[in-house]
Structure formats: C-alpha cells, structure tokens
All heavy atoms as atom14 arrays in JSON, in Angstrom:
{
  "sequence": "LWAFAPNLIVSFFLTQKKSPKWISKYMILLLA",
  "atom14_mask": [
    [1, 1, 1, 1, 1, 1, 1, 1, 0, 0, 0, 0, 0, 0],
    [1, 1, 1, 1, 1, 1, 1, 1, 1, 1, 1, 1, 1, 1],
    [1, 1, 1, 1, 1, 0, 0, 0, 0, 0, 0, 0, 0, 0],
    [1, 1, 1, 1, 1, 1, 1, 1, 1, 1, 1, 0, 0, 0],
    [1, 1, 1, 1, 1, 0, 0, 0, 0, 0, 0, 0, 0, 0],
    [1, 1, 1, 1, 1, 1, 1, 0, 0, 0, 0, 0, 0, 0],
    [1, 1, 1, 1, 1, 1, 1, 1, 0, 0, 0, 0, 0, 0],
    [1, 1, 1, 1, 1, 1, 1, 1, 0, 0, 0, 0, 0, 0],
    [1, 1, 1, 1, 1, 1, 1, 1, 0, 0, 0, 0, 0, 0],
    [1, 1, 1, 1, 1, 1, 1, 0, 0, 0, 0, 0, 0, 0],
    [1, 1, 1, 1, 1, 1, 0, 0, 0, 0, 0, 0, 0, 0],
    [1, 1, 1, 1, 1, 1, 1, 1, 1, 1, 1, 0, 0, 0],
    [1, 1, 1, 1, 1, 1, 1, 1, 1, 1, 1, 0, 0, 0],
    [1, 1, 1, 1, 1, 1, 1, 1, 0, 0, 0, 0, 0, 0],
    [1, 1, 1, 1, 1, 1, 1, 0, 0, 0, 0, 0, 0, 0],
    [1, 1, 1, 1, 1, 1, 1, 1, 1, 0, 0, 0, 0, 0],
    [1, 1, 1, 1, 1, 1, 1, 1, 1, 0, 0, 0, 0, 0],
    [1, 1, 1, 1, 1, 1, 1, 1, 1, 0, 0, 0, 0, 0],
    [1, 1, 1, 1, 1, 1, 0, 0, 0, 0, 0, 0, 0, 0],
    [1, 1, 1, 1, 1, 1, 1, 0, 0, 0, 0, 0, 0, 0],
    [1, 1, 1, 1, 1, 1, 1, 1, 1, 0, 0, 0, 0, 0],
    [1, 1, 1, 1, 1, 1, 1, 1, 1, 1, 1, 1, 1, 1],
    [1, 1, 1, 1, 1, 1, 1, 1, 0, 0, 0, 0, 0, 0],
    [1, 1, 1, 1, 1, 1, 0, 0, 0, 0, 0, 0, 0, 0],
    [1, 1, 1, 1, 1, 1, 1, 1, 1, 0, 0, 0, 0, 0],
    [1, 1, 1, 1, 1, 1, 1, 1, 1, 1, 1, 1, 0, 0],
    [1, 1, 1, 1, 1, 1, 1, 1, 0, 0, 0, 0, 0, 0],
    [1, 1, 1, 1, 1, 1, 1, 1, 0, 0, 0, 0, 0, 0],
    [1, 1, 1, 1, 1, 1, 1, 1, 0, 0, 0, 0, 0, 0],
    [1, 1, 1, 1, 1, 1, 1, 1, 0, 0, 0, 0, 0, 0],
    [1, 1, 1, 1, 1, 1, 1, 1, 0, 0, 0, 0, 0, 0],
    [1, 1, 1, 1, 1, 0, 0, 0, 0, 0, 0, 0, 0, 0]
  ],
  "atom14_positions": [
    [[113.64, 111.07, 110.63], [114.18, 111.0, 111.99], [113.22, 111.61, 113.02], [113.25, 111.23, 114.19], [115.53, 111.71, 112.05], [116.67, 111.01, 111.31], [117.89, 111.9, 111.22], [117.02, 109.69, 111.99], [0.0, 0.0, 0.0], [0.0, 0.0, 0.0], [0.0, 0.0, 0.0], [0.0, 0.0, 0.0], [0.0, 0.0, 0.0], [0.0, 0.0, 0.0]],
    [[112.39, 112.55, 112.59], [111.35, 113.04, 113.52], [109.99, 112.42, 113.2], [109.19, 112.18, 114.1], [111.24, 114.58, 113.5], [110.7, 115.18, 112.23], [111.41, 115.64, 111.17], [109.31, 115.37, 111.9], [110.57, 116.11, 110.18], [109.28, 115.97, 110.61], [108.1, 115.12, 112.56], [108.08, 116.29, 109.97], [106.91, 115.44, 111.92], [106.91, 116.03, 110.64]],
    [[109.74, 112.19, 111.91], [108.5, 111.52, 111.5], [108.85, 110.04, 111.35], [109.01, 109.53, 110.23], [107.98, 112.11, 110.21], [0.0, 0.0, 0.0], [0.0, 0.0, 0.0], [0.0, 0.0, 0.0], [0.0, 0.0, 0.0], [0.0, 0.0, 0.0], [0.0, 0.0, 0.0], [0.0, 0.0, 0.0], [0.0, 0.0, 0.0], [0.0, 0.0, 0.0]],
    [[108.98, 109.35, 112.46], [109.46, 107.97, 112.48], [108.27, 107.03, 112.33], [107.35, 107.01, 113.16], [110.2, 107.71, 113.79], [111.07, 106.48, 113.77], [111.92, 106.2, 112.71], [111.03, 105.59, 114.84], [112.72, 105.07, 112.71], [111.84, 104.46, 114.85], [112.68, 104.2, 113.78], [0.0, 0.0, 0.0], [0.0, 0.0, 0.0], [0.0, 0.0, 0.0]],
    [[108.26, 106.27, 111.24], [107.1, 105.44, 110.89], [106.64, 104.5, 112.01], [105.43, 104.37, 112.23], [107.41, 104.65, 109.61], [0.0, 0.0, 0.0], [0.0, 0.0, 0.0], [0.0, 0.0, 0.0], [0.0, 0.0, 0.0], [0.0, 0.0, 0.0], [0.0, 0.0, 0.0], [0.0, 0.0, 0.0], [0.0, 0.0, 0.0], [0.0, 0.0, 0.0]],
    [[107.54, 103.84, 112.77], [107.08, 102.96, 113.86], [106.27, 103.67, 114.94], [105.58, 103.01, 115.73], [108.39, 102.41, 114.44], [109.35, 102.45, 113.3], [109.0, 103.7, 112.56], [0.0, 0.0, 0.0], [0.0, 0.0, 0.0], [0.0, 0.0, 0.0], [0.0, 0.0, 0.0], [0.0, 0.0, 0.0], [0.0, 0.0, 0.0], [0.0, 0.0, 0.0]],
    [[106.34, 105.01, 114.99], [105.52, 105.75, 115.96], [104.03, 105.45, 115.79], [103.25, 105.56, 116.74], [105.74, 107.26, 115.81], [107.05, 107.72, 116.42], [107.81, 106.94, 116.96], [107.32, 109.0, 116.31], [0.0, 0.0, 0.0], [0.0, 0.0, 0.0], [0.0, 0.0, 0.0], [0.0, 0.0, 0.0], [0.0, 0.0, 0.0], [0.0, 0.0, 0.0]],
    [[103.65, 105.1, 114.56], [102.25, 104.78, 114.29], [101.79, 103.6, 115.16], [100.69, 103.62, 115.73], [102.08, 104.44, 112.81], [100.67, 104.12, 112.32], [99.75, 105.31, 112.52], [100.7, 103.72, 110.85], [0.0, 0.0, 0.0], [0.0, 0.0, 0.0], [0.0, 0.0, 0.0], [0.0, 0.0, 0.0], [0.0, 0.0, 0.0], [0.0, 0.0, 0.0]],
    [[102.64, 102.59, 115.28], [102.31, 101.41, 116.1], [102.44, 101.76, 117.58], [101.58, 101.4, 118.4], [103.24, 100.24, 115.74], [103.04, 99.85, 114.26], [102.99, 99.05, 116.66], [104.04, 98.86, 113.74], [0.0, 0.0, 0.0], [0.0, 0.0, 0.0], [0.0, 0.0, 0.0], [0.0, 0.0, 0.0], [0.0, 0.0, 0.0], [0.0, 0.0, 0.0]],
    [[103.5, 102.49, 117.93], [103.75, 102.84, 119.33], [102.61, 103.69, 119.9], [102.31, 103.62, 121.1], [105.11, 103.59, 119.46], [105.31, 104.12, 120.87], [106.25, 102.65, 119.08], [0.0, 0.0, 0.0], [0.0, 0.0, 0.0], [0.0, 0.0, 0.0], [0.0, 0.0, 0.0], [0.0, 0.0, 0.0], [0.0, 0.0, 0.0], [0.0, 0.0, 0.0]],
    [[101.96, 104.48, 119.04], [100.87, 105.34, 119.52], [99.78, 104.53, 120.23], [99.19, 105.0, 121.21], [100.27, 106.13, 118.36], [99.63, 105.27, 117.43], [0.0, 0.0, 0.0], [0.0, 0.0, 0.0], [0.0, 0.0, 0.0], [0.0, 0.0, 0.0], [0.0, 0.0, 0.0], [0.0, 0.0, 0.0], [0.0, 0.0, 0.0], [0.0, 0.0, 0.0]],
    [[99.54, 103.3, 119.78], [98.5, 102.47, 120.41], [98.99, 101.88, 121.72], [98.2, 101.72, 122.66], [98.06, 101.37, 119.43], [97.35, 101.91, 118.21], [98.03, 102.15, 117.02], [95.99, 102.21, 118.28], [97.37, 102.65, 115.91], [95.33, 102.73, 117.16], [96.02, 102.95, 115.97], [0.0, 0.0, 0.0], [0.0, 0.0, 0.0], [0.0, 0.0, 0.0]],
    [[100.28, 101.57, 121.82], [100.84, 101.09, 123.09], [100.73, 102.18, 124.16], [100.54, 101.88, 125.34], [102.31, 100.7, 122.92], [102.5, 99.36, 122.25], [102.94, 99.28, 120.95], [102.25, 98.17, 122.93], [103.12, 98.06, 120.32], [102.43, 96.94, 122.33], [102.87, 96.88, 121.01], [0.0, 0.0, 0.0], [0.0, 0.0, 0.0], [0.0, 0.0, 0.0]],
    [[100.85, 103.43, 123.76], [100.83, 104.54, 124.72], [99.43, 104.84, 125.25], [99.28, 105.64, 126.18], [101.42, 105.8, 124.08], [102.94, 105.75, 123.82], [103.4, 106.94, 123.0], [103.69, 105.7, 125.15], [0.0, 0.0, 0.0], [0.0, 0.0, 0.0], [0.0, 0.0, 0.0], [0.0, 0.0, 0.0], [0.0, 0.0, 0.0], [0.0, 0.0, 0.0]],
    [[98.41, 104.22, 124.67], [97.06, 104.41, 125.19], [96.74, 103.41, 126.31], [95.73, 103.55, 126.99], [96.01, 104.24, 124.07], [96.1, 102.92, 123.52], [96.23, 105.28, 122.98], [0.0, 0.0, 0.0], [0.0, 0.0, 0.0], [0.0, 0.0, 0.0], [0.0, 0.0, 0.0], [0.0, 0.0, 0.0], [0.0, 0.0, 0.0], [0.0, 0.0, 0.0]],
    [[97.62, 102.41, 126.47], [97.38, 101.38, 127.49], [97.63, 101.94, 128.89], [98.39, 102.89, 129.08], [98.29, 100.18, 127.25], [98.03, 99.47, 125.92], [99.03, 98.36, 125.65], [99.93, 98.1, 126.46], [98.89, 97.69, 124.51], [0.0, 0.0, 0.0], [0.0, 0.0, 0.0], [0.0, 0.0, 0.0], [0.0, 0.0, 0.0], [0.0, 0.0, 0.0]],
    [[96.97, 101.31, 129.85], [97.13, 101.76, 131.25], [98.56, 101.59, 131.7], [99.14, 102.46, 132.36], [96.19, 100.96, 132.15], [96.14, 101.47, 133.57], [95.08, 100.75, 134.37], [95.02, 101.33, 135.78], [93.96, 100.66, 136.6], [0.0, 0.0, 0.0], [0.0, 0.0, 0.0], [0.0, 0.0, 0.0], [0.0, 0.0, 0.0], [0.0, 0.0, 0.0]],
    [[99.19, 100.48, 131.31], [100.6, 100.25, 131.64], [101.35, 99.91, 130.36], [101.12, 98.87, 129.76], [100.74, 99.12, 132.67], [102.15, 98.95, 133.21], [102.17, 97.93, 134.33], [103.58, 97.74, 134.89], [104.15, 98.96, 135.44], [0.0, 0.0, 0.0], [0.0, 0.0, 0.0], [0.0, 0.0, 0.0], [0.0, 0.0, 0.0], [0.0, 0.0, 0.0]],
    [[102.24, 100.79, 129.96], [102.98, 100.6, 128.71], [104.12, 99.61, 128.9], [104.64, 99.46, 130.01], [103.55, 101.94, 128.24], [102.51, 102.87, 128.03], [0.0, 0.0, 0.0], [0.0, 0.0, 0.0], [0.0, 0.0, 0.0], [0.0, 0.0, 0.0], [0.0, 0.0, 0.0], [0.0, 0.0, 0.0], [0.0, 0.0, 0.0], [0.0, 0.0, 0.0]],
    [[104.51, 98.91, 127.81], [105.64, 97.98, 127.91], [106.92, 98.68, 128.38], [107.11, 99.88, 128.15], [105.8, 97.5, 126.46], [104.48, 97.74, 125.82], [103.92, 98.95, 126.48], [0.0, 0.0, 0.0], [0.0, 0.0, 0.0], [0.0, 0.0, 0.0], [0.0, 0.0, 0.0], [0.0, 0.0, 0.0], [0.0, 0.0, 0.0], [0.0, 0.0, 0.0]],
    [[107.81, 97.93, 129.05], [109.03, 98.53, 129.6], [109.97, 99.08, 128.52], [110.71, 100.03, 128.76], [109.77, 97.48, 130.44], [109.01, 97.1, 131.71], [109.81, 96.08, 132.53], [109.06, 95.74, 133.81], [109.81, 94.74, 134.64], [0.0, 0.0, 0.0], [0.0, 0.0, 0.0], [0.0, 0.0, 0.0], [0.0, 0.0, 0.0], [0.0, 0.0, 0.0]],
    [[109.95, 98.48, 127.34], [110.86, 98.91, 126.28], [110.53, 100.3, 125.74], [111.35, 100.92, 125.06], [110.87, 97.9, 125.12], [109.54, 97.62, 124.51], [108.7, 96.58, 124.8], [108.86, 98.37, 123.48], [107.56, 96.62, 124.03], [107.64, 97.71, 123.21], [109.18, 99.52, 122.76], [106.73, 98.18, 122.26], [108.27, 99.99, 121.81], [107.08, 99.34, 121.57]],
    [[109.34, 100.83, 126.06], [108.93, 102.13, 125.55], [109.88, 103.24, 126.03], [110.21, 104.16, 125.27], [107.48, 102.46, 125.97], [106.48, 101.53, 125.27], [107.14, 103.92, 125.66], [106.26, 101.84, 123.81], [0.0, 0.0, 0.0], [0.0, 0.0, 0.0], [0.0, 0.0, 0.0], [0.0, 0.0, 0.0], [0.0, 0.0, 0.0], [0.0, 0.0, 0.0]],
    [[110.34, 103.16, 127.27], [111.24, 104.21, 127.79], [112.56, 104.23, 127.01], [113.12, 105.3, 126.75], [111.49, 104.01, 129.29], [112.15, 102.77, 129.54], [0.0, 0.0, 0.0], [0.0, 0.0, 0.0], [0.0, 0.0, 0.0], [0.0, 0.0, 0.0], [0.0, 0.0, 0.0], [0.0, 0.0, 0.0], [0.0, 0.0, 0.0], [0.0, 0.0, 0.0]],
    [[113.05, 103.05, 126.64], [114.27, 102.99, 125.84], [114.02, 103.5, 124.42], [114.89, 104.11, 123.79], [114.8, 101.56, 125.8], [115.29, 101.05, 127.15], [115.81, 99.63, 127.06], [116.28, 99.16, 128.43], [116.75, 97.74, 128.4], [0.0, 0.0, 0.0], [0.0, 0.0, 0.0], [0.0, 0.0, 0.0], [0.0, 0.0, 0.0], [0.0, 0.0, 0.0]],
    [[112.81, 103.27, 123.94], [112.41, 103.78, 122.62], [112.46, 105.31, 122.61], [112.85, 105.93, 121.62], [111.01, 103.27, 122.3], [110.49, 103.65, 120.94], [110.9, 102.98, 119.8], [109.56, 104.68, 120.8], [110.4, 103.32, 118.54], [109.05, 105.03, 119.55], [109.47, 104.34, 118.43], [108.99, 104.67, 117.2], [0.0, 0.0, 0.0], [0.0, 0.0, 0.0]],
    [[112.09, 105.92, 123.74], [112.13, 107.39, 123.85], [113.57, 107.9, 123.75], [113.82, 108.96, 123.17], [111.48, 107.85, 125.16], [110.02, 107.51, 125.28], [109.05, 108.17, 123.9], [107.72, 106.96, 123.83], [0.0, 0.0, 0.0], [0.0, 0.0, 0.0], [0.0, 0.0, 0.0], [0.0, 0.0, 0.0], [0.0, 0.0, 0.0], [0.0, 0.0, 0.0]],
    [[114.49, 107.17, 124.33], [115.91, 107.56, 124.23], [116.36, 107.52, 122.77], [117.1, 108.4, 122.31], [116.79, 106.63, 125.1], [116.43, 106.8, 126.58], [118.27, 106.9, 124.88], [117.14, 105.83, 127.51], [0.0, 0.0, 0.0], [0.0, 0.0, 0.0], [0.0, 0.0, 0.0], [0.0, 0.0, 0.0], [0.0, 0.0, 0.0], [0.0, 0.0, 0.0]],
    [[115.9, 106.5, 122.05], [116.22, 106.39, 120.62], [115.69, 107.6, 119.86], [116.4, 108.18, 119.03], [115.63, 105.1, 120.06], [115.77, 104.9, 118.54], [117.24, 104.72, 118.16], [114.94, 103.71, 118.07], [0.0, 0.0, 0.0], [0.0, 0.0, 0.0], [0.0, 0.0, 0.0], [0.0, 0.0, 0.0], [0.0, 0.0, 0.0], [0.0, 0.0, 0.0]],
    [[114.45, 107.99, 120.15], [113.85, 109.13, 119.46], [114.58, 110.44, 119.79], [114.75, 111.3, 118.93], [112.37, 109.25, 119.82], [111.46, 108.11, 119.34], [110.01, 108.38, 119.75], [111.55, 107.91, 117.84], [0.0, 0.0, 0.0], [0.0, 0.0, 0.0], [0.0, 0.0, 0.0], [0.0, 0.0, 0.0], [0.0, 0.0, 0.0], [0.0, 0.0, 0.0]],
    [[115.02, 110.58, 121.05], [115.8, 111.76, 121.43], [117.13, 111.79, 120.68], [117.58, 112.86, 120.23], [116.04, 111.77, 122.94], [114.84, 112.18, 123.81], [115.11, 111.86, 125.28], [114.53, 113.67, 123.64], [0.0, 0.0, 0.0], [0.0, 0.0, 0.0], [0.0, 0.0, 0.0], [0.0, 0.0, 0.0], [0.0, 0.0, 0.0], [0.0, 0.0, 0.0]],
    [[117.74, 110.62, 120.52], [119.0, 110.54, 119.77], [118.78, 110.92, 118.31], [119.61, 111.61, 117.7], [119.57, 109.12, 119.86], [0.0, 0.0, 0.0], [0.0, 0.0, 0.0], [0.0, 0.0, 0.0], [0.0, 0.0, 0.0], [0.0, 0.0, 0.0], [0.0, 0.0, 0.0], [0.0, 0.0, 0.0], [0.0, 0.0, 0.0], [0.0, 0.0, 0.0]]
  ]
}
C-alpha cells in the first residue's frame, strides 16, 4: 500500500514538464 508497484511507471510521468491530468487523482488514491 505504500510501496505501490505502479509508482515505478508513474515516476517517469512526473519528470515531464506537464504531467497527465489523471496524476492528481492518482495521488488521492495513494493518500487513501
């Protein structure tokens, strides 16, 4: 739940100048 495997893929999206809109909702999921 804290070491969430999909974070590996998301880490590359977060290096982009403009991240996809779904990333903010993904953060809510991680907080949950």
